[in-house]
Each structure stands twice: as C-alpha cells, then as structure tokens.
Amino acid sequence: MKCFFSGCEHDAMEGTWKCTFHIHRSRCAAGDCRNQVYARNLCVRHGGKRQCQVQGCRLNCRVGDYCTRHSSSEVLRFCSEEGCNSQVHLRGKCFRHGGGRRCQVEGCTKFARNRGLCARHTPKKSQPTLPSFNEFRRRSALAEVESLLTFYYSGQLVV
C-alpha cells in the first residue's frame, strides 16, 4: 500500500496509512483532501493560509494582510526598466531585465535556481532507501537486548 498523501510514492508503514517521512504529519480536515496540514488543521488550498483582506479576492496573503496584487506600492518594489510592471528580484530589476543570476553552465541562458545552476543543470538527488519495517524492527530489538545486557552486567557487555 502506498502512502496516503498526494504525490507521495513511498510505501506506507505496516499498520498505518503513512510512510516514514509523513508519519508525524497530519492530513487536511477538509473531506477527501489528501494534502498535509499547513495551519488550523487545513492545507493551503482549504484555508490553512490567510486570504487577502480585499473583498472578493481569493489569493493568499503575501505581504501583511494582502496579496501582492493588493498590497501598497510602498511595500512592493517594481522593476526600474521603463514600462515594466514586474516585481523587483535583484538590483532593482525583475528577472527578465537582468535582476537574477544566470546559470553557471557555459552557454545556458536560464536563471540560476539552486547553487548557481538552473533546474535543468542541478543534479538530481537520489531517493534515500528506507529500511523495511521488519529490518527496522530487528535493529530496534537488537539495540534493546544490548541495552538490557549492558544494564544487567553493569556496563560489562558480554557477547
């Protein structure tokens, strides 16, 4: 059986519906939602994040009590390029007008996202292999026996 949470491909631990990564995470209280809780027992989609205070706006708060569309222009900074309404990213400019770092790979024109590399050139992380539940239980049992023997023989572990 796979983990309950949306997008998770790990196997669920024996006797539960969660994998080892999600074991201490709660699920959203909204109906059949398969997302994890963000706040107030709800995921972001179902109200875990506060919404913009402007009547009728359903976007999440990003700047104080407002989304980026409705926050005051004093808080938001815009690109210094003539006619551009994009938000500043770096050095007073948006990504499009040079406000971001380029990928370090020669000839690549994409913007750096992680450690100076774009998404395409960032090495993919290999998925860690999780021990099986039986292997985990066996290791725990051995550690418990070793601990009891150590205590029983007053620190003189006899093998």
Protein backbone atom coordinates (compact mmCIF):
# COMPACT_ATOMS: atom_id res chain seq x y z
CA MET A 1 0.00 0.00 0.00
CA LYS A 2 1.28 3.48 -0.90
CA CYS A 3 1.36 6.49 1.43
CA PHE A 4 -1.95 8.36 1.75
CA PHE A 5 -0.59 11.83 0.97
CA SER A 6 -0.99 13.22 -2.53
CA GLY A 7 2.14 12.89 -4.67
CA CYS A 8 3.98 10.57 -2.25
CA GLU A 9 5.24 7.38 -3.87
CA HIS A 10 6.71 5.76 -0.73
CA ASP A 11 5.19 2.61 0.71
CA ALA A 12 3.07 3.04 3.82
CA MET A 13 4.49 1.61 7.03
CA GLU A 14 2.94 -1.60 8.29
CA GLY A 15 -0.22 -0.93 10.30
CA THR A 16 -0.62 2.68 9.16
CA TRP A 17 -1.51 4.67 6.05
CA LYS A 18 1.59 6.91 6.16
CA CYS A 19 5.20 6.42 5.05
CA THR A 20 8.15 7.09 7.36
CA PHE A 21 8.52 10.65 6.01
CA HIS A 22 4.87 11.59 6.68
CA ILE A 23 4.35 9.59 9.89
CA HIS A 24 4.25 12.68 12.15
CA ARG A 25 2.26 14.87 9.74
CA SER A 26 -1.48 15.40 9.88
CA ARG A 27 -3.92 15.33 6.99
CA CYS A 28 -6.23 18.18 5.99
CA ALA A 29 -9.60 18.11 7.76
CA ALA A 30 -11.49 19.00 4.55
CA GLY A 31 -13.43 16.00 3.23
CA ASP A 32 -11.43 13.72 0.94
CA CYS A 33 -8.39 16.02 0.74
CA ARG A 34 -5.06 14.14 0.59
CA ASN A 35 -2.82 17.13 1.46
CA GLN A 36 -0.95 17.67 4.70
CA VAL A 37 -1.95 20.33 7.22
CA TYR A 38 -0.44 23.81 6.87
CA ALA A 39 -2.27 25.54 9.76
CA ARG A 40 -5.54 25.22 11.71
CA ASN A 41 -5.93 21.57 10.62
CA LEU A 42 -6.25 22.66 6.97
CA CYS A 43 -4.00 22.57 3.92
CA VAL A 44 -3.24 25.78 1.99
CA ARG A 45 -5.97 25.06 -0.58
CA HIS A 46 -8.69 24.71 2.09
CA GLY A 47 -7.82 27.77 4.19
CA GLY A 48 -4.65 26.91 6.08
CA LYS A 49 -3.17 30.21 4.90
CA ARG A 50 -4.91 33.54 5.45
CA GLN A 51 -6.62 35.11 2.44
CA CYS A 52 -6.22 38.65 1.16
CA GLN A 53 -8.41 41.14 3.09
CA VAL A 54 -9.78 42.77 -0.09
CA GLN A 55 -13.45 41.83 -0.62
CA GLY A 56 -13.80 39.13 -3.29
CA CYS A 57 -10.06 38.36 -3.58
CA ARG A 58 -9.28 34.69 -3.00
CA LEU A 59 -5.47 34.90 -3.16
CA ASN A 60 -3.30 34.06 -0.15
CA CYS A 61 -1.65 36.80 1.93
CA ARG A 62 1.92 37.51 0.87
CA VAL A 63 2.58 41.00 2.29
CA GLY A 64 0.93 41.59 5.67
CA ASP A 65 -2.83 41.16 5.30
CA TYR A 66 -2.84 41.41 1.50
CA CYS A 67 -1.81 39.51 -1.61
CA THR A 68 0.87 41.04 -3.84
CA ARG A 69 -1.82 42.48 -6.15
CA HIS A 70 -3.49 44.49 -3.35
CA SER A 71 -0.61 45.44 -1.05
CA SER A 72 0.51 49.06 -1.07
CA SER A 73 3.04 50.15 -3.67
CA GLU A 74 5.33 51.43 -0.87
CA VAL A 75 5.87 47.84 0.28
CA LEU A 76 6.28 46.38 -3.21
CA ARG A 77 9.12 47.46 -5.47
CA PHE A 78 8.81 47.28 -9.22
CA CYS A 79 11.38 46.87 -11.97
CA SER A 80 13.25 50.07 -12.84
CA GLU A 81 13.01 49.30 -16.58
CA GLU A 82 10.68 51.73 -18.39
CA GLY A 83 7.16 50.29 -18.81
CA CYS A 84 7.80 47.09 -16.82
CA ASN A 85 5.27 46.27 -14.07
CA SER A 86 7.04 43.16 -12.73
CA GLN A 87 8.29 42.99 -9.16
CA VAL A 88 11.96 43.52 -8.38
CA HIS A 89 14.04 40.43 -7.82
CA LEU A 90 17.63 41.70 -7.61
CA ARG A 91 19.46 45.02 -8.14
CA GLY A 92 16.22 46.95 -8.81
CA LYS A 93 15.23 44.79 -11.77
CA CYS A 94 12.96 41.83 -12.48
CA PHE A 95 14.32 38.53 -13.84
CA ARG A 96 13.54 39.46 -17.44
CA HIS A 97 15.59 42.69 -17.26
CA GLY A 98 18.67 41.30 -15.51
CA GLY A 99 17.60 41.10 -11.88
CA GLY A 100 18.63 37.48 -11.47
CA ARG A 101 21.77 35.39 -11.79
CA ARG A 102 22.23 33.21 -14.84
CA CYS A 103 23.10 29.51 -14.71
CA GLN A 104 26.86 28.92 -14.37
CA VAL A 105 26.93 26.32 -17.15
CA GLU A 106 28.56 27.86 -20.20
CA GLY A 107 26.04 28.68 -22.93
CA CYS A 108 22.98 28.26 -20.69
CA THR A 109 20.69 31.31 -20.63
CA LYS A 110 18.32 30.11 -17.89
CA PHE A 111 18.22 31.70 -14.44
CA ALA A 112 20.02 30.09 -11.51
CA ARG A 113 17.64 28.49 -9.02
CA ASN A 114 19.87 26.36 -6.82
CA ARG A 115 23.58 26.85 -6.04
CA GLY A 116 24.21 28.84 -9.21
CA LEU A 117 22.54 26.32 -11.51
CA CYS A 118 19.20 26.27 -13.33
CA ALA A 119 16.70 23.45 -12.77
CA ARG A 120 17.99 21.55 -15.81
CA HIS A 121 21.63 21.55 -14.65
CA THR A 122 21.02 20.96 -10.94
CA PRO A 123 22.00 17.35 -10.14
CA LYS A 124 19.00 15.25 -9.17
CA LYS A 125 19.01 13.89 -5.64
CA SER A 126 18.81 10.13 -5.43
CA GLN A 127 15.94 8.90 -3.29
CA PRO A 128 17.19 7.61 0.06
CA THR A 129 16.47 3.96 0.57
CA LEU A 130 14.32 3.37 3.60
CA PRO A 131 14.83 0.23 5.67
CA SER A 132 11.92 -2.17 5.58
CA PHE A 133 9.69 -2.27 8.63
CA ASN A 134 10.96 -5.76 9.57
CA GLU A 135 14.59 -4.60 9.25
CA PHE A 136 13.81 -1.56 11.42
CA ARG A 137 12.06 -3.76 14.00
CA ARG A 138 15.01 -6.23 14.02
CA ARG A 139 17.54 -3.42 14.58
CA SER A 140 15.39 -1.97 17.38
CA ALA A 141 15.09 -5.37 19.07
CA LEU A 142 18.87 -5.91 18.91
CA ALA A 143 19.51 -2.46 20.39
CA GLU A 144 17.01 -3.17 23.18
CA VAL A 145 18.66 -6.52 24.03
CA GLU A 146 22.10 -4.91 24.01
CA SER A 147 20.87 -2.15 26.32
CA LEU A 148 19.37 -4.67 28.77
CA LEU A 149 22.54 -6.79 28.77
CA THR A 150 24.67 -3.70 29.38
CA PHE A 151 22.47 -2.70 32.32
CA TYR A 152 22.37 -6.24 33.72
CA TYR A 153 26.14 -6.70 33.62
CA SER A 154 26.80 -3.15 34.94
CA GLY A 155 28.48 -1.87 31.84
CA GLN A 156 30.41 -5.09 31.18
CA LEU A 157 28.80 -6.20 27.93
CA VAL A 158 29.40 -9.92 27.43
CA VAL A 159 28.98 -11.21 23.91
